[in-house]
Amino acid sequence: MERDDLPNLRALGFEDDELKALGLWDPVTGTPADLAEMYVRRSKKKDSLSSLREQVRRMCAHATYEGKRIRHVWFEQKSASKVYVRREEFEKATAAITDAKLSKTLYVFKTSRLSRRGMGQVGLLLDKFEERQARIFVVAENLDSTKSRMVLAILSEQAREQAADISEFTKNGIAGNKSDGRWTGGVAPFGLYSPKGSGKLVLHPTEYPIARRIAVYLLNRLTPNWIANKLNSEGILTRHGKKWTGPGIVSLAHSVAWAGLVVKREKMLDENGNDTGKYHRGGSPLLDKTGNPISCGQGVITFAEHVKINAILAERAQPGTSIGDRTRGKREIVALLSGTLRCGRCKGPISNGGVNYRCYARQTEGPSSCKGVSTERKRVDAAVGVMWINHVLGLSPESPTIHAIAKDWLSYNDPKKDARKAHVGAALESAVGREMKLEKEFFVLGRMDEEKFDRLRGQLAAQIAELKAELADLSQEADLTPLMDPLLLAELWEHAGIGGQRALLKAAVKGVTLLPAKGRGDRTPIHKRLEPPEWRDESINPAVEAAWDAWEARRTKAAV
């Protein structure tokens, strides 16, 4: 029997003999007090693996000294300084202690490996560990969270300041390189590439002829879907070996870098003005002091051709759907099965095409990719609705699917709750960080008088208590009892509307496949063209076939 973390350890470059010597070969068991989790992180791939292996060795040596055994080594390559970056392995490492209660100790090598987001995040984490009588031990700095909490908080704040300095230097460097007309990295558009160390875009020897064909097609007003189908029919694939799509052609056409120009793109911010790590699509050319676009090398098209192509595409765009539109509202949901229905030919997704459902590959890649499947939207929506109701009526109130449906319905009815929970959590983290800074000013630096300190700490303590109470209230599970009755759920379906029905459907079914018609005017009942759905629990109720026949008979009679 192998350890669950063996792939991680081998990815770090450890040989089997060394793993046995370090006590990381066989799975370990024992009481939580005798076991520990180990978290290893590197920010970039260029960071040395030999350094990471040495960190593991030193943490293992300290664990042996304390008489603890490493239950799991959690390893990931993620930046800890960016708020929007989610560190899944770190969350699993802490959850093994705070939630699963498998261990009582978390080993990290340095405070900067733990977090670069400052006192707020580290303080909340230490609170959770303290509640469960667990601890964090930082090996390089010999810090035990149960004895050196204040020092650990101060070091985490220093790590945050270092991350801010690094970010500022990086931003200035990128801005300077762009002003000098250098390609700052990233994926070059199809038809171009940047030789290592050159900082310039040049024509790709094999991709450029195809890219230029695409440009000429666009200049001749041929549609992106036509172009995608043309390339696919000739067996021409994208850089990554996939088929071309209409949206992919549109994205390429809007790329400023495709014209060999430096791009200026707007960052996407959250509701609090924080960086999300994403950019708005499209972008515009970066201009020099004289108002001219800055070149970063060769382009597949000229700047004049870029402007003309975008003007041609804009003529076809519907109002409010342009790439640069930042105020486009959320479209009303009208299709029940978008994201759930699959094509019976290519097994790919089927999308809403107005009054019909149509194969997405057929729409975007052309008939050379898939002959396609289509059907009237209302007809198949009604059929799947009957299928869902029959399946739910065959489940017991204790079914996991019934619980999942009930939870998804409550989440759909109250979408602001999760958003509020995230907002309160962020506010609590910020308040705890301010409290720790306040304590640093008074206890460590001595730059604040006692009266002011007591007044400010009292205000922060009240705010933190209020936020903790609200977060605890938001974290409580809602009462699902009223939705545990399948008959009530079936009645709920009838009055839920398309948006509600989508939430109910996706909680119970993974996918539904639509088979192609036998020919034009095929009168096969629509439920006969649907493969048995992939339900999330047991198979479909044996009584469903009889229900289908009765439903089809009622539908036919109503149509007559």
Protein backbone atom coordinates (compact mmCIF):
# COMPACT_ATOMS: atom_id res chain seq x y z
CA MET A 1 0.00 0.00 0.00
CA GLU A 2 1.46 3.35 -1.08
CA ARG A 3 1.23 6.75 0.58
CA ASP A 4 -1.25 9.17 -0.96
CA ASP A 5 1.48 11.81 -1.26
CA LEU A 6 4.02 9.58 -3.03
CA PRO A 7 3.47 11.32 -6.42
CA ASN A 8 4.27 14.67 -4.77
CA LEU A 9 7.45 13.33 -3.22
CA ARG A 10 8.64 11.83 -6.48
CA ALA A 11 7.81 15.09 -8.28
CA LEU A 12 10.24 16.75 -5.86
CA GLY A 13 12.95 14.36 -7.07
CA PHE A 14 13.26 12.03 -4.07
CA GLU A 15 14.57 8.51 -4.61
CA ASP A 16 12.79 5.61 -2.92
CA ASP A 17 15.75 4.84 -0.63
CA GLU A 18 15.84 8.38 0.71
CA LEU A 19 12.09 8.40 1.29
CA LYS A 20 12.47 5.24 3.39
CA ALA A 21 15.27 6.89 5.38
CA LEU A 22 13.15 9.99 5.98
CA GLY A 23 10.14 7.96 7.11
CA LEU A 24 8.10 9.04 4.08
CA TRP A 25 7.73 5.67 2.39
CA ASP A 26 5.03 3.75 4.26
CA PRO A 27 1.59 5.14 5.20
CA VAL A 28 1.50 6.18 8.85
CA THR A 29 -1.24 5.87 11.45
CA GLY A 30 -1.58 7.02 15.01
CA THR A 31 -3.29 9.56 17.22
CA PRO A 32 -3.58 13.16 15.91
CA ALA A 33 -1.09 14.30 18.58
CA ASP A 34 1.57 11.98 17.11
CA LEU A 35 0.98 12.94 13.45
CA ALA A 36 1.78 16.07 11.45
CA GLU A 37 1.11 17.63 8.04
CA MET A 38 3.91 19.17 5.98
CA TYR A 39 3.35 22.01 3.49
CA VAL A 40 5.91 22.78 0.76
CA ARG A 41 5.42 25.57 -1.76
CA ARG A 42 7.37 27.23 -4.51
CA SER A 43 6.28 30.38 -6.31
CA LYS A 44 7.75 29.64 -9.75
CA LYS A 45 8.93 26.63 -11.71
CA LYS A 46 12.45 28.07 -11.92
CA ASP A 47 12.84 27.74 -8.14
CA SER A 48 15.32 24.93 -7.43
CA LEU A 49 13.90 21.51 -6.58
CA SER A 50 17.09 20.71 -4.68
CA SER A 51 16.26 23.58 -2.31
CA LEU A 52 12.76 22.19 -1.77
CA ARG A 53 14.17 18.72 -1.04
CA GLU A 54 16.48 20.23 1.56
CA GLN A 55 13.49 21.95 3.17
CA VAL A 56 11.68 18.61 3.40
CA ARG A 57 14.77 16.96 4.93
CA ARG A 58 15.08 19.64 7.62
CA MET A 59 11.36 19.51 8.45
CA CYS A 60 11.54 15.71 8.69
CA ALA A 61 14.54 15.98 10.99
CA HIS A 62 12.65 18.33 13.30
CA ALA A 63 9.59 16.08 13.25
CA THR A 64 11.80 13.14 14.30
CA TYR A 65 13.28 15.27 17.09
CA GLU A 66 9.76 16.02 18.37
CA GLY A 67 8.72 12.39 18.02
CA LYS A 68 6.11 13.07 15.31
CA ARG A 69 5.49 11.27 12.04
CA ILE A 70 4.59 13.03 8.79
CA ARG A 71 1.13 11.87 7.71
CA HIS A 72 1.07 13.77 4.39
CA VAL A 73 3.35 16.11 2.43
CA TRP A 74 1.32 18.77 0.59
CA PHE A 75 3.13 20.40 -2.33
CA GLU A 76 2.03 23.05 -4.82
CA GLN A 77 3.39 25.75 -7.07
CA LYS A 78 1.37 28.88 -6.31
CA SER A 79 1.99 32.49 -5.40
CA ALA A 80 0.92 33.32 -1.85
CA SER A 81 0.96 37.10 -2.29
CA LYS A 82 -2.00 37.51 -4.64
CA VAL A 83 -5.39 37.63 -2.93
CA TYR A 84 -7.21 36.03 -5.87
CA VAL A 85 -4.94 32.96 -5.98
CA ARG A 86 -6.49 29.98 -4.25
CA ARG A 87 -3.99 27.52 -2.76
CA GLU A 88 -5.89 24.24 -2.84
CA GLU A 89 -3.11 22.11 -1.32
CA PHE A 90 -2.64 24.58 1.55
CA GLU A 91 -6.39 24.48 2.22
CA LYS A 92 -6.27 20.67 2.28
CA ALA A 93 -3.30 20.72 4.67
CA THR A 94 -5.06 23.01 7.14
CA ALA A 95 -8.39 21.20 6.71
CA ALA A 96 -6.71 17.91 7.69
CA ILE A 97 -6.08 19.57 11.07
CA THR A 98 -9.04 21.91 11.58
CA ASP A 99 -11.83 19.85 9.97
CA ALA A 100 -10.80 16.21 9.65
CA LYS A 101 -8.71 16.41 12.87
CA LEU A 102 -6.21 13.88 11.51
CA SER A 103 -3.15 15.71 12.89
CA LYS A 104 -2.26 18.34 15.46
CA THR A 105 0.82 19.95 13.82
CA LEU A 106 1.50 21.72 10.54
CA TYR A 107 5.16 22.08 9.52
CA VAL A 108 6.26 24.82 7.12
CA PHE A 109 9.84 25.84 6.38
CA LYS A 110 9.57 29.63 6.57
CA THR A 111 6.84 32.13 7.43
CA SER A 112 6.90 33.41 3.84
CA ARG A 113 6.03 29.87 2.68
CA LEU A 114 3.02 29.95 5.00
CA SER A 115 1.53 33.22 3.73
CA ARG A 116 2.47 36.56 2.20
CA ARG A 117 -0.91 38.13 2.87
CA GLY A 118 -0.03 39.47 6.29
CA MET A 119 -1.32 39.33 9.83
CA GLY A 120 -4.99 39.16 8.90
CA GLN A 121 -4.86 35.77 7.19
CA VAL A 122 -2.28 34.27 9.58
CA GLY A 123 -4.17 35.54 12.64
CA LEU A 124 -7.43 33.88 11.60
CA LEU A 125 -5.57 30.66 10.83
CA LEU A 126 -3.94 30.68 14.25
CA ASP A 127 -7.36 31.20 15.86
CA LYS A 128 -8.68 28.05 14.17
CA PHE A 129 -5.63 26.04 15.23
CA GLU A 130 -5.88 27.31 18.80
CA GLU A 131 -9.55 26.27 19.01
CA ARG A 132 -8.54 22.70 18.11
CA GLN A 133 -5.42 22.72 20.32
CA ALA A 134 -3.24 22.41 17.23
CA ARG A 135 -0.16 24.35 16.20
CA ILE A 136 2.00 25.59 13.33
CA PHE A 137 5.77 25.15 13.52
CA VAL A 138 8.10 27.20 11.29
CA VAL A 139 11.33 25.20 11.12
CA ALA A 140 13.81 27.72 9.68
CA GLU A 141 12.85 30.39 12.22
CA ASN A 142 12.19 27.90 15.06
CA LEU A 143 8.76 29.39 15.78
CA ASP A 144 5.98 27.52 17.57
CA SER A 145 2.59 29.22 17.12
CA THR A 146 1.57 28.23 20.66
CA LYS A 147 4.52 30.16 22.14
CA SER A 148 5.49 32.82 19.57
CA ARG A 149 2.21 34.01 18.09
CA MET A 150 3.15 37.70 18.06
CA VAL A 151 6.54 37.08 16.43
CA LEU A 152 4.89 34.89 13.80
CA ALA A 153 2.35 37.62 13.06
CA ILE A 154 5.07 40.27 12.69
CA LEU A 155 7.13 38.07 10.36
CA SER A 156 4.05 37.40 8.25
CA GLU A 157 3.51 41.15 7.92
CA GLN A 158 7.13 41.57 6.83
CA ALA A 159 6.57 38.85 4.21
CA ARG A 160 3.55 40.78 2.98
CA GLU A 161 5.59 43.98 2.63
CA GLN A 162 8.28 42.07 0.70
CA ALA A 163 5.60 40.71 -1.64
CA ALA A 164 4.27 44.25 -2.22
CA ASP A 165 7.78 45.46 -3.10
CA ILE A 166 8.32 42.57 -5.51
CA SER A 167 4.95 43.27 -7.15
CA GLU A 168 5.77 46.96 -7.56
CA PHE A 169 9.18 46.24 -9.10
CA THR A 170 7.60 43.72 -11.47
CA LYS A 171 4.89 46.16 -12.59
CA ASN A 172 7.46 48.90 -13.21
CA GLY A 173 9.64 46.50 -15.19
CA ILE A 174 6.75 45.37 -17.39
CA ALA A 175 5.64 48.97 -17.99
CA GLY A 176 9.20 49.95 -18.95
CA ASN A 177 9.57 47.01 -21.33
CA LYS A 178 6.26 47.83 -23.01
CA SER A 179 7.29 51.46 -23.48
CA ASP A 180 10.52 50.23 -25.11
CA GLY A 181 8.54 48.05 -27.51
CA ARG A 182 9.44 44.67 -25.99
CA TRP A 183 7.21 41.60 -25.92
CA THR A 184 6.68 41.00 -22.19
CA GLY A 185 5.81 37.32 -22.43
CA GLY A 186 2.72 35.20 -22.54
CA VAL A 187 1.23 33.21 -25.38
CA ALA A 188 1.95 34.80 -28.74
CA PRO A 189 -0.98 34.88 -31.21
CA PHE A 190 -1.23 32.15 -33.84
CA GLY A 191 1.24 32.89 -36.66
CA LEU A 192 3.80 34.60 -34.40
CA TYR A 193 6.36 33.64 -31.76
CA SER A 194 9.05 35.31 -29.69
CA PRO A 195 12.59 33.84 -29.88
CA LYS A 196 14.01 33.36 -26.39
CA GLY A 197 15.71 36.50 -25.13
CA SER A 198 14.76 38.63 -28.13
CA GLY A 199 11.79 40.47 -26.62
CA LYS A 200 10.29 40.75 -30.10
CA LEU A 201 7.57 38.99 -32.08
CA VAL A 202 8.54 37.38 -35.38
CA LEU A 203 6.67 35.37 -38.00
CA HIS A 204 6.25 31.68 -37.19
CA PRO A 205 7.60 29.68 -40.16
CA THR A 206 4.78 27.08 -40.24
CA GLU A 207 1.88 28.99 -38.69
CA TYR A 208 2.22 32.29 -40.55
CA PRO A 209 0.88 31.09 -43.97
CA ILE A 210 -2.27 29.76 -42.26
CA ALA A 211 -2.63 32.88 -40.10
CA ARG A 212 -2.32 35.09 -43.16
CA ARG A 213 -5.03 33.06 -44.91
CA ILE A 214 -7.31 33.70 -41.94
CA ALA A 215 -6.55 37.43 -42.14
CA VAL A 216 -7.33 37.54 -45.87
CA TYR A 217 -10.59 35.68 -45.32
CA LEU A 218 -11.59 38.20 -42.63
CA LEU A 219 -10.66 41.15 -44.85
CA ASN A 220 -12.85 39.60 -47.59
CA ARG A 221 -15.79 39.64 -45.12
CA LEU A 222 -16.06 35.88 -44.73
CA THR A 223 -17.60 34.87 -41.40
CA PRO A 224 -15.50 33.35 -38.60
CA ASN A 225 -17.64 30.17 -38.63
CA TRP A 226 -17.06 29.78 -42.37
CA ILE A 227 -13.31 30.19 -41.87
CA ALA A 228 -13.26 27.63 -39.03
CA ASN A 229 -15.15 25.09 -41.15
CA LYS A 230 -12.85 25.72 -44.11
CA LEU A 231 -9.71 25.04 -42.07
CA ASN A 232 -11.23 22.01 -40.35
CA SER A 233 -12.35 20.49 -43.65
CA GLU A 234 -8.74 20.69 -44.86
CA GLY A 235 -7.47 19.01 -41.70
CA ILE A 236 -5.67 22.14 -40.47
CA LEU A 237 -5.54 22.24 -36.68
CA THR A 238 -4.72 24.94 -34.14
CA ARG A 239 -1.36 25.23 -32.43
CA HIS A 240 -2.58 22.85 -29.71
CA GLY A 241 -3.86 20.23 -32.15
CA LYS A 242 -7.52 21.12 -31.78
CA LYS A 243 -10.16 22.10 -34.31
CA TRP A 244 -10.83 25.72 -35.13
CA THR A 245 -13.95 27.44 -33.83
CA GLY A 246 -15.74 30.63 -34.80
CA PRO A 247 -15.18 32.26 -31.39
CA GLY A 248 -11.49 31.33 -31.62
CA ILE A 249 -11.20 33.15 -34.96
CA VAL A 250 -12.94 36.19 -33.46
CA SER A 251 -10.52 36.26 -30.50
CA LEU A 252 -7.57 36.09 -32.88
CA ALA A 253 -8.98 38.93 -34.99
CA HIS A 254 -9.38 41.17 -31.95
CA SER A 255 -5.82 40.53 -30.75
CA VAL A 256 -3.69 43.69 -30.92
CA ALA A 257 -0.53 41.56 -30.72
CA TRP A 258 -1.60 39.82 -33.98
CA ALA A 259 -0.68 43.15 -35.62
CA GLY A 260 2.73 43.12 -33.89
CA LEU A 261 1.76 45.89 -31.47
CA VAL A 262 2.14 46.28 -27.71
CA VAL A 263 -1.24 45.74 -26.08
CA LYS A 264 -2.76 47.82 -23.32
CA ARG A 265 -5.32 45.81 -21.37
CA GLU A 266 -7.52 46.71 -18.42
CA LYS A 267 -7.42 44.53 -15.34
CA MET A 268 -10.64 43.13 -13.96
CA LEU A 269 -11.32 44.24 -10.39
CA ASP A 270 -13.73 42.89 -7.81
CA GLU A 271 -16.39 44.95 -6.02
CA ASN A 272 -13.78 46.22 -3.55
CA GLY A 273 -11.34 47.31 -6.24
CA ASN A 274 -8.93 44.40 -5.70
CA ASP A 275 -7.08 42.70 -8.53
CA THR A 276 -8.74 39.45 -9.68
CA GLY A 277 -5.77 38.32 -11.79
CA LYS A 278 -7.86 38.52 -14.97
CA TYR A 279 -7.97 41.01 -17.81
CA HIS A 280 -10.78 42.33 -19.97
CA ARG A 281 -10.81 40.81 -23.41
CA GLY A 282 -9.50 42.62 -26.44
CA GLY A 283 -7.43 45.56 -25.34
CA SER A 284 -6.10 48.48 -27.34
CA PRO A 285 -2.68 49.41 -28.73
CA LEU A 286 -0.30 51.15 -26.33
CA LEU A 287 0.52 54.59 -27.72
CA ASP A 288 3.78 56.51 -27.50
CA LYS A 289 4.13 60.20 -26.63
CA THR A 290 3.25 61.20 -30.18
CA GLY A 291 0.05 59.12 -30.17
CA ASN A 292 1.33 56.34 -32.45
CA PRO A 293 0.99 52.59 -31.62
CA ILE A 294 4.17 51.02 -30.21
CA SER A 295 5.44 48.04 -32.19
CA CYS A 296 6.92 44.95 -30.53
CA GLY A 297 8.01 43.19 -33.72
CA GLN A 298 6.39 41.72 -36.81
CA GLY A 299 2.66 41.11 -37.18
CA VAL A 300 0.46 38.86 -39.28
CA ILE A 301 -1.55 41.95 -40.21
CA THR A 302 -0.85 45.66 -40.29
CA PHE A 303 -2.43 48.13 -37.89
CA ALA A 304 -4.65 49.40 -40.73
CA GLU A 305 -5.83 45.84 -41.43
CA HIS A 306 -6.47 45.32 -37.70
CA VAL A 307 -8.75 48.39 -37.65
CA LYS A 308 -10.56 47.25 -40.82
CA ILE A 309 -11.14 43.69 -39.56
CA ASN A 310 -12.53 44.95 -36.27
CA ALA A 311 -14.84 47.32 -38.12
CA ILE A 312 -16.14 44.43 -40.27
CA LEU A 313 -16.81 42.29 -37.18
CA ALA A 314 -18.46 45.24 -35.41
CA GLU A 315 -20.94 45.61 -38.30
CA ARG A 316 -22.21 42.09 -37.60
CA ALA A 317 -22.28 42.45 -33.80
CA GLN A 318 -25.61 43.03 -32.10
CA PRO A 319 -25.96 46.12 -29.89
CA GLY A 320 -24.48 45.62 -26.44
CA THR A 321 -22.41 42.53 -27.32
CA SER A 322 -19.14 44.07 -28.50
CA ILE A 323 -15.85 42.90 -27.02
CA GLY A 324 -15.11 46.26 -25.47
CA ASP A 325 -18.53 46.66 -23.86
CA ARG A 326 -18.08 46.79 -20.07
CA THR A 327 -21.72 47.44 -19.23
CA ARG A 328 -23.40 44.44 -20.84
CA GLY A 329 -26.09 43.09 -18.55
CA LYS A 330 -26.69 39.47 -17.66
CA ARG A 331 -28.87 37.73 -20.22
CA GLU A 332 -32.13 36.21 -19.11
CA ILE A 333 -32.05 32.41 -18.91
CA VAL A 334 -34.30 30.88 -21.54
CA ALA A 335 -32.79 27.43 -22.20
CA LEU A 336 -33.25 24.69 -19.61
CA LEU A 337 -30.65 22.26 -20.97
CA SER A 338 -27.71 24.50 -21.91
CA GLY A 339 -24.64 22.82 -20.43
CA THR A 340 -26.54 19.56 -19.80
CA LEU A 341 -27.65 18.33 -23.24
CA ARG A 342 -25.05 16.52 -25.38
CA CYS A 343 -24.81 15.69 -29.06
CA GLY A 344 -25.47 12.03 -29.89
CA ARG A 345 -22.91 12.13 -32.72
CA CYS A 346 -19.80 13.82 -31.30
CA LYS A 347 -20.78 13.65 -27.59
CA GLY A 348 -19.99 17.36 -27.32
CA PRO A 349 -22.20 20.06 -25.81
CA ILE A 350 -25.44 21.24 -27.40
CA SER A 351 -26.17 24.96 -27.20
CA ASN A 352 -29.25 27.12 -27.46
CA GLY A 353 -29.87 28.24 -31.03
CA GLY A 354 -33.03 30.28 -30.55
CA VAL A 355 -36.05 28.01 -30.94
CA ASN A 356 -33.83 24.92 -31.32
CA TYR A 357 -31.00 23.16 -29.53
CA ARG A 358 -28.06 22.65 -31.89
CA CYS A 359 -24.70 20.87 -31.69
CA TYR A 360 -22.07 23.42 -30.61
CA ALA A 361 -19.29 21.79 -32.65
CA ARG A 362 -21.49 21.90 -35.77
CA GLN A 363 -22.15 25.60 -35.19
CA THR A 364 -18.60 26.72 -34.45
CA GLU A 365 -16.40 24.21 -36.31
CA GLY A 366 -18.64 23.37 -39.27
CA PRO A 367 -20.02 20.11 -40.71
CA SER A 368 -16.50 18.74 -41.20
CA SER A 369 -16.31 18.40 -37.43
CA CYS A 370 -19.79 16.99 -36.75
CA LYS A 371 -22.91 16.52 -38.87
CA GLY A 372 -24.81 17.82 -35.91
CA VAL A 373 -28.01 17.14 -34.00
CA SER A 374 -30.89 19.53 -33.43
CA THR A 375 -34.40 19.55 -32.06
CA GLU A 376 -37.09 21.97 -30.97
CA ARG A 377 -36.13 23.45 -27.62
CA LYS A 378 -39.54 23.47 -25.94
CA ARG A 379 -40.16 19.88 -26.97
CA VAL A 380 -37.04 18.41 -25.35
CA ASP A 381 -37.31 20.75 -22.33
CA ALA A 382 -40.76 19.37 -21.57
CA ALA A 383 -39.54 15.79 -22.03
CA VAL A 384 -36.60 16.21 -19.65
CA GLY A 385 -38.91 17.90 -17.15
CA VAL A 386 -41.11 14.81 -17.08
CA MET A 387 -37.99 12.66 -16.78
CA TRP A 388 -36.75 14.67 -13.79
CA ILE A 389 -40.12 14.55 -12.00
CA ASN A 390 -40.47 10.78 -12.51
CA HIS A 391 -36.96 10.18 -11.23
CA VAL A 392 -37.41 12.36 -8.15
CA LEU A 393 -40.72 10.70 -7.30
CA GLY A 394 -38.90 7.36 -7.25
CA LEU A 395 -36.36 8.52 -4.63
CA SER A 396 -36.63 8.20 -0.88
CA PRO A 397 -36.63 11.40 1.22
CA GLU A 398 -33.22 10.33 2.62
CA SER A 399 -31.63 10.15 -0.85
CA PRO A 400 -28.40 12.17 -1.23
CA THR A 401 -29.82 13.52 -4.47
CA ILE A 402 -32.88 14.91 -2.67
CA HIS A 403 -30.54 16.68 -0.25
CA ALA A 404 -28.42 18.01 -3.12
CA ILE A 405 -31.51 19.29 -4.94
CA ALA A 406 -32.79 20.99 -1.80
CA LYS A 407 -29.43 22.69 -1.14
CA ASP A 408 -29.07 23.89 -4.73
CA TRP A 409 -32.60 25.26 -4.65
CA LEU A 410 -31.94 27.23 -1.47
CA SER A 411 -28.68 28.53 -2.97
CA TYR A 412 -30.53 29.57 -6.13
CA ASN A 413 -33.21 31.37 -4.12
CA ASP A 414 -30.60 33.20 -2.01
CA PRO A 415 -27.55 33.79 -4.26
CA LYS A 416 -26.42 36.78 -2.22
CA LYS A 417 -25.75 34.64 0.87
CA ASP A 418 -22.51 33.10 -0.46
CA ALA A 419 -21.34 36.47 -1.75
CA ARG A 420 -22.07 38.04 1.64
CA LYS A 421 -20.23 35.21 3.40
CA ALA A 422 -17.11 35.84 1.29
CA HIS A 423 -17.38 39.59 1.89
CA VAL A 424 -17.71 39.15 5.68
CA GLY A 425 -14.78 36.73 5.72
CA ALA A 426 -12.58 39.24 3.90
CA ALA A 427 -13.69 42.04 6.24
CA LEU A 428 -12.92 39.85 9.27
CA GLU A 429 -9.47 39.05 7.92
CA SER A 430 -8.79 42.75 7.40
CA ALA A 431 -10.00 43.67 10.91
CA VAL A 432 -7.81 41.01 12.53
CA GLY A 433 -4.85 42.34 10.54
CA ARG A 434 -5.50 45.87 11.80
CA GLU A 435 -5.75 44.58 15.37
CA MET A 436 -2.35 42.89 15.07
CA LYS A 437 -0.80 46.03 13.60
CA LEU A 438 -2.23 48.00 16.50
CA GLU A 439 -0.66 45.60 19.01
CA LYS A 440 2.65 45.85 17.17
CA GLU A 441 2.54 49.67 17.41
CA PHE A 442 1.91 49.53 21.17
CA PHE A 443 3.75 46.46 22.47
CA VAL A 444 6.68 46.16 20.06
CA LEU A 445 7.40 49.62 18.68
CA GLY A 446 6.03 51.66 21.61
CA ARG A 447 4.76 54.42 19.32
CA MET A 448 1.27 54.72 20.85
CA ASP A 449 0.04 55.84 24.25
CA GLU A 450 -2.05 53.45 26.36
CA GLU A 451 -5.28 55.48 26.28
CA LYS A 452 -5.36 55.62 22.48
CA PHE A 453 -4.42 51.95 22.26
CA ASP A 454 -7.25 50.88 24.60
CA ARG A 455 -9.79 52.98 22.71
CA LEU A 456 -8.80 51.68 19.27
CA ARG A 457 -8.48 48.09 20.42
CA GLY A 458 -11.96 48.28 21.97
CA GLN A 459 -13.44 49.49 18.68
CA LEU A 460 -11.67 46.76 16.71
CA ALA A 461 -12.66 44.07 19.21
CA ALA A 462 -16.32 45.05 18.87
CA GLN A 463 -16.06 45.02 15.09
CA ILE A 464 -14.34 41.61 15.07
CA ALA A 465 -16.92 40.13 17.43
CA GLU A 466 -19.76 41.41 15.24
CA LEU A 467 -18.16 40.03 12.06
CA LYS A 468 -17.49 36.64 13.69
CA ALA A 469 -21.09 36.41 14.82
CA GLU A 470 -22.38 37.24 11.33
CA LEU A 471 -19.98 34.77 9.72
CA ALA A 472 -21.12 32.03 12.12
CA ASP A 473 -24.74 32.81 11.30
CA LEU A 474 -24.06 32.71 7.55
CA SER A 475 -22.19 29.41 7.91
CA GLN A 476 -25.16 27.63 9.47
CA GLU A 477 -26.93 25.14 7.25
CA ALA A 478 -30.48 26.11 6.33
CA ASP A 479 -33.39 23.87 7.34
CA LEU A 480 -33.94 21.52 4.40
CA THR A 481 -36.84 19.60 5.94
CA PRO A 482 -39.59 21.33 3.91
CA LEU A 483 -37.84 20.26 0.68
CA MET A 484 -37.19 16.63 1.63
CA ASP A 485 -40.54 15.43 0.24
CA PRO A 486 -40.22 14.34 -3.44
CA LEU A 487 -43.88 15.27 -4.06
CA LEU A 488 -43.21 18.83 -2.88
CA LEU A 489 -40.12 18.99 -5.11
CA ALA A 490 -42.14 17.82 -8.11
CA GLU A 491 -44.68 20.56 -7.41
CA LEU A 492 -41.86 23.03 -6.97
CA TRP A 493 -40.55 22.18 -10.45
CA GLU A 494 -43.78 23.30 -12.07
CA HIS A 495 -43.53 26.81 -10.61
CA ALA A 496 -39.73 27.32 -10.48
CA GLY A 497 -39.23 29.01 -13.85
CA ILE A 498 -36.35 28.20 -16.22
CA GLY A 499 -33.63 29.45 -13.86
CA GLY A 500 -34.95 27.46 -10.91
CA GLN A 501 -35.52 24.36 -13.01
CA ARG A 502 -31.90 24.50 -14.23
CA ALA A 503 -30.69 24.53 -10.61
CA LEU A 504 -32.96 21.59 -9.71
CA LEU A 505 -31.99 19.62 -12.82
CA LYS A 506 -28.21 19.97 -12.45
CA ALA A 507 -28.37 18.74 -8.85
CA ALA A 508 -29.82 15.42 -10.03
CA VAL A 509 -28.38 14.71 -13.48
CA LYS A 510 -24.87 14.85 -14.94
CA GLY A 511 -25.88 14.87 -18.59
CA VAL A 512 -28.52 13.99 -21.18
CA THR A 513 -27.60 12.81 -24.70
CA LEU A 514 -29.82 13.59 -27.71
CA LEU A 515 -29.62 11.04 -30.53
CA PRO A 516 -29.88 12.18 -34.18
CA ALA A 517 -33.21 11.99 -36.00
CA LYS A 518 -33.72 9.25 -38.62
CA GLY A 519 -34.45 11.89 -41.21
CA ARG A 520 -36.35 15.08 -41.92
CA GLY A 521 -39.80 14.99 -40.33
CA ASP A 522 -38.89 12.06 -38.05
CA ARG A 523 -41.93 11.38 -35.83
CA THR A 524 -40.05 9.37 -33.21
CA PRO A 525 -41.22 10.51 -29.74
CA ILE A 526 -38.57 12.81 -28.35
CA HIS A 527 -38.00 10.70 -25.22
CA LYS A 528 -37.04 7.79 -27.51
CA ARG A 529 -34.23 9.99 -28.87
CA LEU A 530 -32.85 10.63 -25.39
CA GLU A 531 -30.34 8.16 -24.00
CA PRO A 532 -30.86 7.15 -20.33
CA PRO A 533 -29.56 10.15 -18.37
CA GLU A 534 -26.51 10.00 -16.12
CA TRP A 535 -28.29 10.38 -12.81
CA ARG A 536 -26.19 11.24 -9.81
CA ASP A 537 -27.48 8.25 -7.83
CA GLU A 538 -29.39 5.12 -8.84
CA SER A 539 -30.85 4.25 -12.24
CA ILE A 540 -34.15 5.60 -13.52
CA ASN A 541 -37.41 4.45 -11.96
CA PRO A 542 -38.77 1.29 -13.72
CA ALA A 543 -42.15 3.01 -14.01
CA VAL A 544 -40.72 5.82 -16.11
CA GLU A 545 -41.32 4.13 -19.49
CA ALA A 546 -45.05 3.88 -18.79
CA ALA A 547 -45.07 7.51 -17.69
CA TRP A 548 -43.33 8.47 -20.94
CA ASP A 549 -45.98 6.74 -23.05
CA ALA A 550 -48.79 8.41 -21.11
CA TRP A 551 -47.12 11.82 -21.46
CA GLU A 552 -46.54 11.37 -25.19
CA ALA A 553 -50.17 10.31 -25.68
CA ARG A 554 -51.42 13.45 -23.85
CA ARG A 555 -49.07 15.64 -25.88
CA THR A 556 -50.21 14.13 -29.19
CA LYS A 557 -53.90 14.51 -28.24
CA ALA A 558 -53.34 18.15 -27.23
CA ALA A 559 -51.58 18.86 -30.53
CA VAL A 560 -54.51 17.44 -32.50
